[in-house]
Amino acid sequence: MSQLHDRFHEKYGESWTCTIPGSGRNIMVNNPDVLEHVLKTNFWAYEKGPILQESMADLLGQGIFGADGNLWKWQRKLASHIFNVKAFRGNFFNVFVKESLIVSDYFDTIAERGTAVDVHDVLLRFTLDGFGEVSFGQSFGCLDNPEGEVDFAVAFDRLNAIVSERLFKGPWKIVEWLNGTSKIVAKDKKTVTDFALNIIRTRRQEGYHKPQKDLLQLFMDLKGEDGEPLSDDMLKDSILNFIIAGRDTTAQALSWMFYLIHRDQSDKNIARKLREEIDEIVGDSEPTYEITKKMKYAEACFNEALRLYPSVPRNMKVCVEDDVLPNGVEIKKGEFFLWSPWTMGRDTRVWGPDAKEFNPDRWLTGDKTSPFKFPAFHAGPRTCLGMQFATAEAMTFIATVFRRFTFELVDPVNEPGYAAGLTLPIAAGLPIRVHRREFNQDTTAVAL
């Protein structure tokens, strides 16, 4: 689908429309100025809309990512009290360090065996465990047995994949009823919901006695618009929404970064410069929040992977009042506005003649990049509140594992395929080989 957008973009330019039976007129625009108008300047004229909300309800519920209007505004206000630097440093950062060390130990085992491992699967387990502990105060146990299955993780991932495909299925309710998918959805939804609600109800009964608060406790400490504590269902929806967003963004971006750095056509200086930065800034220490903030080249690699392979490669909103876009295109109430971060990230008019190249140095010029040019974390009032969480988790992982290991792709020539859906997972995984780094007596690392 993203490559189809690319072809239309090349043929018709940055703005084109199509009419789809059952959904009406769709206006696709990949222009930063127009995107700023829709996502910020005329924000209230565009909503997620009932089509997306209904298709995603089995996973998102009434949570913030599908909400519109006052429901969104209220949840955003509540969440803004939680997602700040003080809360992050005090309550969450150590979780990412712990989970990164678990992965590092697993990689050591893989290096000893000399076998290949699917790094995409490892990263999905790593981020789900990390966000599970950050959210509910307990890991989902995905890394306890890295080659086994965890009921919650299987149900969560399968449900995520199913609802993500609904927007591209037309009459998805009929399709799912006919092919039996509706039964799978009901089963997986119950697994995910029961897990979350059991933790919430136990927490209400037994209280919380740890010095560091998780997201659940921070949300339980808040009051709703009526002055009452949030309901169990609202707590469940709030937490699951943030797990979905943070987990997918970090795992997928890191996976694509692994591919981009280690493929045959990559500049080998990129991996060298990344390790040199880690050796200099991190050294033999465990990463801290302050250390990860200094890892500018690592963050540039992460952002560059997100530019070329954004976790949400396409997005849309429905117009709720007639509008005229900055490029002169009229859009009527009920019509859909679409944009593709994938297409924008590869557009030479937006990023210059080397737009399709993996070049982390473009992030180190000192110029601040507009979020409407780089909407990987959305932009405007709906900018992702967990952006610093995702980035810090990624930096912690990079600092921990690139310090100890080097990596090679099993297939360094062919680009991995990616699964269709709202996000951009690697379809068949990303097999890599892991090698321990050698160190001289002065502890200076020697890349293999």
Protein backbone atom coordinates (compact mmCIF):
# COMPACT_ATOMS: atom_id res chain seq x y z
CA MET A 1 0.00 0.00 0.00
CA SER A 2 2.80 2.45 0.86
CA GLN A 3 4.58 1.72 -2.43
CA LEU A 4 1.26 2.26 -4.24
CA HIS A 5 1.12 5.70 -2.64
CA ASP A 6 4.66 6.29 -3.93
CA ARG A 7 3.62 5.47 -7.50
CA PHE A 8 0.58 7.77 -7.34
CA HIS A 9 2.77 10.47 -5.81
CA GLU A 10 5.27 10.20 -8.67
CA LYS A 11 2.51 10.22 -11.30
CA TYR A 12 0.13 12.86 -9.91
CA GLY A 13 2.34 14.94 -7.61
CA GLU A 14 1.96 15.77 -3.94
CA SER A 15 -1.85 16.15 -4.13
CA TRP A 16 -4.38 13.79 -5.71
CA THR A 17 -7.88 12.49 -5.05
CA CYS A 18 -9.79 9.27 -5.58
CA THR A 19 -13.35 8.17 -4.92
CA ILE A 20 -13.86 4.80 -3.26
CA PRO A 21 -17.32 3.18 -3.21
CA GLY A 22 -18.60 3.18 0.35
CA SER A 23 -16.22 5.84 1.67
CA GLY A 24 -16.59 8.70 -0.81
CA ARG A 25 -13.90 11.15 -1.88
CA ASN A 26 -10.39 10.78 -0.48
CA ILE A 27 -7.85 13.61 -0.73
CA MET A 28 -4.22 12.53 -0.43
CA VAL A 29 -1.71 15.34 0.20
CA ASN A 30 1.96 14.89 1.13
CA ASN A 31 3.02 18.46 1.78
CA PRO A 32 4.34 19.74 5.15
CA ASP A 33 2.47 23.08 4.90
CA VAL A 34 -0.84 21.38 4.16
CA LEU A 35 -0.22 18.85 6.92
CA GLU A 36 0.39 21.67 9.41
CA HIS A 37 -2.95 23.21 8.41
CA VAL A 38 -4.84 19.94 9.03
CA LEU A 39 -3.01 18.77 12.16
CA LYS A 40 -2.56 22.15 13.85
CA THR A 41 -3.96 25.36 12.31
CA ASN A 42 -7.47 24.00 11.63
CA PHE A 43 -7.19 21.09 14.05
CA TRP A 44 -10.83 20.92 15.15
CA ALA A 45 -12.10 20.62 11.57
CA TYR A 46 -10.63 17.11 11.28
CA GLU A 47 -11.26 14.02 13.41
CA LYS A 48 -10.38 10.35 13.55
CA GLY A 49 -13.98 9.63 12.67
CA PRO A 50 -16.40 6.74 13.26
CA ILE A 51 -15.02 4.44 10.54
CA LEU A 52 -11.57 4.21 12.14
CA GLN A 53 -13.03 4.18 15.66
CA GLU A 54 -15.35 1.27 14.92
CA SER A 55 -12.68 -0.75 13.13
CA MET A 56 -10.19 -0.32 16.00
CA ALA A 57 -12.60 -0.51 18.95
CA ASP A 58 -11.79 -4.13 19.83
CA LEU A 59 -8.23 -3.03 20.61
CA LEU A 60 -8.37 0.71 21.42
CA GLY A 61 -11.75 0.80 23.19
CA GLN A 62 -12.47 4.37 24.29
CA GLY A 63 -8.76 5.18 24.61
CA ILE A 64 -7.01 8.34 23.53
CA PHE A 65 -5.80 7.22 20.10
CA GLY A 66 -9.26 6.67 18.69
CA ALA A 67 -11.02 9.40 20.65
CA ASP A 68 -12.25 12.72 19.25
CA GLY A 69 -13.66 15.96 20.62
CA ASN A 70 -14.16 16.36 24.36
CA LEU A 71 -13.34 12.71 25.09
CA TRP A 72 -9.92 13.15 23.48
CA LYS A 73 -9.38 16.56 25.09
CA TRP A 74 -10.12 15.19 28.56
CA GLN A 75 -7.83 12.18 28.14
CA ARG A 76 -5.04 14.30 26.70
CA LYS A 77 -5.22 16.61 29.70
CA LEU A 78 -5.06 13.68 32.12
CA ALA A 79 -2.17 12.01 30.30
CA SER A 80 -0.15 15.22 30.13
CA HIS A 81 0.13 15.13 33.94
CA ILE A 82 1.83 11.73 33.66
CA PHE A 83 4.07 11.92 30.61
CA ASN A 84 6.76 14.33 31.73
CA VAL A 85 10.50 14.11 32.27
CA LYS A 86 10.25 13.97 36.07
CA ALA A 87 7.86 11.01 36.05
CA PHE A 88 9.86 9.25 33.37
CA ARG A 89 13.22 9.55 35.13
CA GLY A 90 11.77 8.69 38.52
CA ASN A 91 9.51 5.80 37.61
CA PHE A 92 10.30 4.25 34.24
CA PHE A 93 13.86 4.57 32.95
CA ASN A 94 15.35 1.79 35.09
CA VAL A 95 12.85 -0.63 33.55
CA PHE A 96 14.33 -0.06 30.11
CA VAL A 97 17.84 -0.64 31.46
CA LYS A 98 16.80 -3.92 33.09
CA GLU A 99 15.04 -5.24 29.98
CA SER A 100 17.99 -4.21 27.77
CA LEU A 101 20.36 -6.20 29.98
CA ILE A 102 18.10 -9.24 29.67
CA VAL A 103 18.31 -8.99 25.87
CA SER A 104 22.07 -8.50 26.09
CA ASP A 105 22.43 -11.72 28.10
CA TYR A 106 20.26 -13.55 25.55
CA PHE A 107 22.41 -12.24 22.70
CA ASP A 108 25.45 -13.57 24.56
CA THR A 109 23.85 -17.02 24.53
CA ILE A 110 23.11 -16.70 20.81
CA ALA A 111 26.71 -15.63 20.12
CA GLU A 112 27.96 -18.68 22.05
CA ARG A 113 25.72 -20.99 20.02
CA GLY A 114 26.70 -19.41 16.71
CA THR A 115 23.11 -19.60 15.48
CA ALA A 116 20.93 -16.93 13.87
CA VAL A 117 18.14 -15.15 15.72
CA ASP A 118 15.17 -13.09 14.54
CA VAL A 119 16.00 -9.65 15.94
CA HIS A 120 12.55 -8.31 15.01
CA ASP A 121 10.93 -10.92 17.26
CA VAL A 122 13.42 -10.18 20.05
CA LEU A 123 12.68 -6.45 19.84
CA LEU A 124 8.91 -6.99 19.92
CA ARG A 125 9.38 -9.10 23.07
CA PHE A 126 11.75 -6.53 24.58
CA THR A 127 9.40 -3.59 24.06
CA LEU A 128 6.29 -5.48 25.16
CA ASP A 129 7.98 -6.59 28.39
CA GLY A 130 9.30 -3.08 28.97
CA PHE A 131 5.97 -1.37 28.42
CA GLY A 132 4.22 -4.09 30.42
CA GLU A 133 6.36 -3.32 33.45
CA VAL A 134 6.09 0.43 32.92
CA SER A 135 2.32 0.14 32.54
CA PHE A 136 1.21 -2.59 34.94
CA GLY A 137 4.23 -2.99 37.19
CA GLN A 138 4.99 -6.45 35.86
CA SER A 139 6.64 -7.89 32.78
CA PHE A 140 4.60 -10.04 30.41
CA GLY A 141 7.42 -12.59 30.54
CA CYS A 142 8.16 -12.57 26.81
CA LEU A 143 11.92 -12.55 27.41
CA ASP A 144 11.81 -15.17 30.17
CA ASN A 145 11.60 -17.75 27.40
CA PRO A 146 12.69 -15.90 24.24
CA GLU A 147 11.85 -18.85 22.00
CA GLY A 148 8.48 -19.68 23.58
CA GLU A 149 5.03 -18.13 23.47
CA VAL A 150 3.17 -16.05 26.04
CA ASP A 151 -0.64 -16.13 25.90
CA PHE A 152 -1.08 -12.38 26.36
CA ALA A 153 1.56 -11.53 23.75
CA VAL A 154 0.11 -13.94 21.17
CA ALA A 155 -3.43 -12.61 21.70
CA PHE A 156 -2.30 -8.98 21.76
CA ASP A 157 -0.26 -9.24 18.55
CA ARG A 158 -2.90 -11.22 16.67
CA LEU A 159 -5.67 -8.82 17.70
CA ASN A 160 -3.50 -5.87 16.70
CA ALA A 161 -2.87 -7.40 13.26
CA ILE A 162 -6.54 -8.21 12.64
CA VAL A 163 -7.97 -4.81 13.53
CA SER A 164 -5.18 -3.05 11.61
CA GLU A 165 -6.28 -4.76 8.40
CA ARG A 166 -9.96 -3.85 8.73
CA LEU A 167 -9.67 -0.47 7.00
CA PHE A 168 -8.54 -2.28 3.85
CA LYS A 169 -11.19 -5.03 3.87
CA GLY A 170 -14.36 -3.15 2.94
CA PRO A 171 -17.28 -4.82 4.79
CA TRP A 172 -14.95 -6.31 7.37
CA LYS A 173 -17.69 -7.48 9.76
CA ILE A 174 -19.14 -9.75 7.07
CA VAL A 175 -15.69 -10.94 5.99
CA GLU A 176 -14.67 -11.81 9.57
CA TRP A 177 -17.97 -13.59 10.24
CA LEU A 178 -17.65 -15.67 7.06
CA ASN A 179 -14.00 -16.68 7.51
CA GLY A 180 -14.19 -17.30 11.26
CA THR A 181 -11.95 -14.38 12.27
CA SER A 182 -14.70 -12.95 14.49
CA LYS A 183 -14.31 -15.93 16.85
CA ILE A 184 -10.56 -15.37 17.05
CA VAL A 185 -11.14 -11.67 17.80
CA ALA A 186 -13.57 -12.50 20.61
CA LYS A 187 -11.13 -14.99 22.16
CA ASP A 188 -8.08 -12.72 21.91
CA LYS A 189 -9.99 -9.67 23.12
CA LYS A 190 -11.08 -11.63 26.20
CA THR A 191 -7.49 -12.73 26.90
CA VAL A 192 -6.15 -9.16 26.70
CA THR A 193 -9.07 -7.60 28.58
CA ASP A 194 -9.11 -10.18 31.37
CA PHE A 195 -5.37 -9.79 31.92
CA ALA A 196 -5.62 -6.02 32.27
CA LEU A 197 -8.79 -5.98 34.37
CA ASN A 198 -7.47 -8.64 36.76
CA ILE A 199 -4.41 -6.49 37.50
CA ILE A 200 -6.57 -3.38 37.94
CA ARG A 201 -9.02 -5.09 40.33
CA THR A 202 -6.22 -6.66 42.34
CA ARG A 203 -4.57 -3.25 42.61
CA ARG A 204 -7.80 -1.69 43.93
CA GLN A 205 -8.10 -4.43 46.56
CA GLU A 206 -4.49 -4.67 47.69
CA GLY A 207 -3.19 -1.16 47.01
CA TYR A 208 0.25 -0.24 45.70
CA HIS A 209 3.31 -0.33 47.95
CA LYS A 210 6.32 0.18 45.64
CA PRO A 211 8.35 3.42 45.77
CA GLN A 212 8.26 3.82 41.98
CA LYS A 213 4.82 4.18 40.42
CA ASP A 214 3.76 2.51 37.18
CA LEU A 215 1.39 4.05 34.64
CA LEU A 216 -1.59 2.24 36.12
CA GLN A 217 -1.00 3.73 39.55
CA LEU A 218 -0.40 7.19 38.11
CA PHE A 219 -3.72 6.97 36.25
CA MET A 220 -5.47 5.59 39.35
CA ASP A 221 -4.26 8.63 41.30
CA LEU A 222 -6.04 10.96 38.86
CA LYS A 223 -9.68 12.05 38.92
CA GLY A 224 -12.09 12.25 36.02
CA GLU A 225 -14.13 15.27 34.97
CA ASP A 226 -16.75 14.31 37.55
CA GLY A 227 -14.15 14.29 40.34
CA GLU A 228 -14.35 10.50 40.65
CA PRO A 229 -11.58 7.95 40.05
CA LEU A 230 -11.36 6.49 36.55
CA SER A 231 -13.43 3.35 35.93
CA ASP A 232 -11.78 -0.03 35.44
CA ASP A 233 -12.62 0.02 31.72
CA MET A 234 -11.21 3.53 31.27
CA LEU A 235 -8.01 2.52 33.06
CA LYS A 236 -7.73 -0.56 30.87
CA ASP A 237 -8.26 1.39 27.64
CA SER A 238 -5.83 4.14 28.68
CA ILE A 239 -3.01 1.73 29.50
CA LEU A 240 -3.47 -0.53 26.46
CA ASN A 241 -3.47 2.49 24.12
CA PHE A 242 -0.05 3.58 25.36
CA ILE A 243 1.35 0.04 25.17
CA ILE A 244 0.21 -0.25 21.55
CA ALA A 245 1.74 3.07 20.51
CA GLY A 246 5.04 2.87 22.38
CA ARG A 247 5.73 -0.79 21.80
CA ASP A 248 5.24 -0.81 18.02
CA THR A 249 7.11 2.43 17.34
CA THR A 250 10.25 1.40 19.20
CA ALA A 251 10.43 -2.24 18.10
CA GLN A 252 9.76 -1.57 14.44
CA ALA A 253 12.07 1.44 14.15
CA LEU A 254 14.93 -0.46 15.84
CA SER A 255 14.36 -3.44 13.55
CA TRP A 256 14.54 -1.30 10.43
CA MET A 257 17.61 0.44 11.86
CA PHE A 258 19.32 -2.95 12.23
CA TYR A 259 18.56 -3.64 8.57
CA LEU A 260 19.65 -0.23 7.29
CA ILE A 261 22.96 -0.24 9.16
CA HIS A 262 23.98 -3.80 8.28
CA ARG A 263 22.76 -4.29 4.68
CA ASP A 264 25.42 -4.64 1.96
CA GLN A 265 24.80 -1.22 0.42
CA SER A 266 25.16 0.65 3.73
CA ASP A 267 28.10 2.91 4.47
CA LYS A 268 30.20 0.84 6.90
CA ASN A 269 31.29 4.05 8.62
CA ILE A 270 27.77 4.35 10.09
CA ALA A 271 28.14 1.28 12.32
CA ARG A 272 31.67 2.35 13.24
CA LYS A 273 30.60 5.89 14.19
CA LEU A 274 27.69 4.50 16.22
CA ARG A 275 29.97 2.24 18.27
CA GLU A 276 32.57 4.97 18.69
CA GLU A 277 29.92 7.23 20.19
CA ILE A 278 28.76 4.49 22.55
CA ASP A 279 32.32 3.64 23.62
CA GLU A 280 33.06 7.29 24.31
CA ILE A 281 29.83 8.30 26.06
CA VAL A 282 28.68 5.08 27.74
CA GLY A 283 31.97 3.26 28.26
CA ASP A 284 31.68 0.42 30.76
CA SER A 285 28.79 2.04 32.62
CA GLU A 286 25.14 1.14 32.51
CA PRO A 287 23.24 3.77 30.52
CA THR A 288 21.51 6.52 32.47
CA TYR A 289 18.90 9.01 31.30
CA GLU A 290 21.57 11.72 31.15
CA ILE A 291 23.88 9.49 29.09
CA THR A 292 21.20 8.58 26.54
CA LYS A 293 20.43 12.27 25.99
CA LYS A 294 24.05 12.71 24.81
CA MET A 295 23.83 9.93 22.20
CA LYS A 296 23.17 12.24 19.28
CA TYR A 297 24.45 9.94 16.54
CA ALA A 298 22.45 6.98 17.85
CA GLU A 299 19.32 9.14 17.95
CA ALA A 300 20.09 10.31 14.41
CA CYS A 301 20.23 6.66 13.26
CA PHE A 302 16.92 5.96 15.01
CA ASN A 303 15.21 9.00 13.47
CA GLU A 304 16.61 8.22 10.03
CA ALA A 305 15.15 4.69 10.25
CA LEU A 306 11.80 6.21 11.24
CA ARG A 307 11.99 8.64 8.32
CA LEU A 308 12.40 5.84 5.77
CA TYR A 309 10.27 3.24 7.56
CA PRO A 310 7.76 5.14 9.73
CA SER A 311 5.87 2.94 12.17
CA VAL A 312 2.59 4.43 10.90
CA PRO A 313 3.27 4.67 7.14
CA ARG A 314 -0.08 6.26 6.28
CA ASN A 315 -2.76 8.07 8.22
CA MET A 316 -6.11 9.71 7.70
CA LYS A 317 -8.71 12.03 9.18
CA VAL A 318 -12.29 12.84 8.26
CA CYS A 319 -13.29 16.45 7.63
CA VAL A 320 -16.14 17.59 9.92
CA GLU A 321 -16.62 21.06 8.39
CA ASP A 322 -15.97 22.38 4.87
CA ASP A 323 -12.41 23.63 4.46
CA VAL A 324 -9.95 24.93 1.88
CA LEU A 325 -6.40 23.59 2.13
CA PRO A 326 -3.39 25.92 1.71
CA ASN A 327 -2.78 24.49 -1.78
CA GLY A 328 -6.28 25.57 -2.85
CA VAL A 329 -7.92 22.13 -2.71
CA GLU A 330 -11.48 22.26 -1.35
CA ILE A 331 -12.48 19.52 1.05
CA LYS A 332 -16.09 18.98 2.09
CA LYS A 333 -17.56 17.72 5.33
CA GLY A 334 -17.48 13.92 5.38
CA GLU A 335 -14.56 13.61 2.97
CA PHE A 336 -11.27 12.02 4.00
CA PHE A 337 -7.87 13.66 4.21
CA LEU A 338 -4.95 11.22 3.93
CA TRP A 339 -1.18 11.59 4.17
CA SER A 340 1.72 9.17 4.01
CA PRO A 341 4.79 9.66 6.25
CA TRP A 342 6.35 6.88 4.15
CA THR A 343 5.97 8.87 0.92
CA MET A 344 6.96 12.18 2.53
CA GLY A 345 10.10 10.60 3.97
CA ARG A 346 11.27 9.58 0.49
CA ASP A 347 10.22 12.75 -1.35
CA THR A 348 13.15 14.73 -2.80
CA ARG A 349 11.03 17.91 -2.63
CA VAL A 350 10.84 17.49 1.15
CA TRP A 351 14.24 15.95 2.00
CA GLY A 352 16.48 16.83 -0.91
CA PRO A 353 18.10 14.76 -3.69
CA ASP A 354 19.35 12.05 -1.28
CA ALA A 355 15.89 11.50 0.24
CA LYS A 356 15.93 7.75 -0.42
CA GLU A 357 19.37 7.26 1.14
CA PHE A 358 20.02 6.27 4.76
CA ASN A 359 22.04 9.23 6.00
CA PRO A 360 22.00 9.86 9.78
CA ASP A 361 24.18 12.96 9.32
CA ARG A 362 21.16 14.88 8.00
CA TRP A 363 19.95 15.06 11.63
CA LEU A 364 23.19 16.59 12.92
CA THR A 365 23.17 19.93 11.10
CA GLY A 366 21.83 21.82 14.12
CA ASP A 367 18.60 22.76 12.33
CA LYS A 368 15.39 21.71 14.07
CA THR A 369 13.25 19.46 11.86
CA SER A 370 9.59 20.41 11.60
CA PRO A 371 7.25 17.66 12.88
CA PHE A 372 5.08 18.33 9.81
CA LYS A 373 8.04 17.35 7.64
CA PHE A 374 8.79 14.36 9.89
CA PRO A 375 5.40 13.23 11.31
CA ALA A 376 6.64 9.89 12.67
CA PHE A 377 5.27 10.87 16.10
CA HIS A 378 2.28 12.70 14.59
CA ALA A 379 2.25 16.51 14.96
CA GLY A 380 0.22 19.38 16.37
CA PRO A 381 -2.00 18.95 19.46
CA ARG A 382 -2.03 15.16 18.97
CA THR A 383 1.77 14.80 19.00
CA CYS A 384 2.64 11.50 20.68
CA LEU A 385 2.98 12.01 24.43
CA GLY A 386 5.20 8.95 24.65
CA MET A 387 7.74 10.18 22.11
CA GLN A 388 10.50 10.63 24.69
CA PHE A 389 9.65 7.20 26.17
CA ALA A 390 10.07 5.46 22.81
CA THR A 391 13.30 7.32 22.02
CA ALA A 392 14.84 6.73 25.45
CA GLU A 393 13.97 3.03 25.34
CA ALA A 394 15.61 2.78 21.93
CA MET A 395 18.73 4.64 23.09
CA THR A 396 19.00 2.42 26.16
CA PHE A 397 18.80 -0.70 24.03
CA ILE A 398 21.37 0.61 21.52
CA ALA A 399 23.78 1.65 24.27
CA THR A 400 23.53 -1.74 25.95
CA VAL A 401 23.77 -4.18 23.04
CA PHE A 402 25.98 -2.30 20.56
CA ARG A 403 28.53 -1.90 23.35
CA ARG A 404 28.91 -5.67 23.66
CA PHE A 405 28.14 -7.09 20.21
CA THR A 406 28.44 -6.70 16.47
CA PHE A 407 25.79 -8.01 14.10
CA GLU A 408 25.43 -9.26 10.55
CA LEU A 409 22.29 -9.91 8.52
CA VAL A 410 21.69 -13.46 7.32
CA ASP A 411 20.46 -11.88 4.07
CA PRO A 412 22.26 -8.55 3.63
CA VAL A 413 21.17 -8.10 0.00
CA ASN A 414 17.38 -8.22 -0.21
CA GLU A 415 15.06 -5.71 1.46
CA PRO A 416 12.74 -7.42 3.98
CA GLY A 417 9.05 -7.46 3.19
CA TYR A 418 6.60 -5.77 5.52
CA ALA A 419 3.11 -6.74 6.60
CA ALA A 420 0.07 -4.73 5.50
CA GLY A 421 -1.68 -2.85 8.29
CA LEU A 422 -1.68 0.41 10.18
CA THR A 423 1.93 -0.09 11.30
CA LEU A 424 5.03 -1.39 9.52
CA PRO A 425 6.26 -4.68 11.01
CA ILE A 426 8.74 -6.82 9.11
CA ALA A 427 6.62 -9.61 7.65
CA ALA A 428 8.95 -12.61 7.90
CA GLY A 429 11.30 -11.37 10.61
CA LEU A 430 14.92 -10.21 10.36
CA PRO A 431 17.43 -13.04 11.00
CA ILE A 432 20.84 -11.85 12.22
CA ARG A 433 24.03 -13.38 13.56
CA VAL A 434 25.48 -12.03 16.79
CA HIS A 435 29.21 -11.74 17.56
CA ARG A 436 30.87 -10.68 20.79
CA ARG A 437 33.07 -7.64 20.45
CA GLU A 438 36.75 -8.04 21.25
CA PHE A 439 38.40 -5.62 23.66
CA ASN A 440 42.05 -4.68 24.09
CA GLN A 441 43.58 -4.60 27.55
CA ASP A 442 42.91 -0.87 27.78
CA THR A 443 39.19 -1.76 27.33
CA THR A 444 39.06 -0.09 23.94
CA ALA A 445 36.64 -2.05 21.76
CA VAL A 446 37.74 -3.60 18.50
CA ALA A 447 34.86 -4.05 16.07
CA LEU A 448 34.74 -7.45 14.42
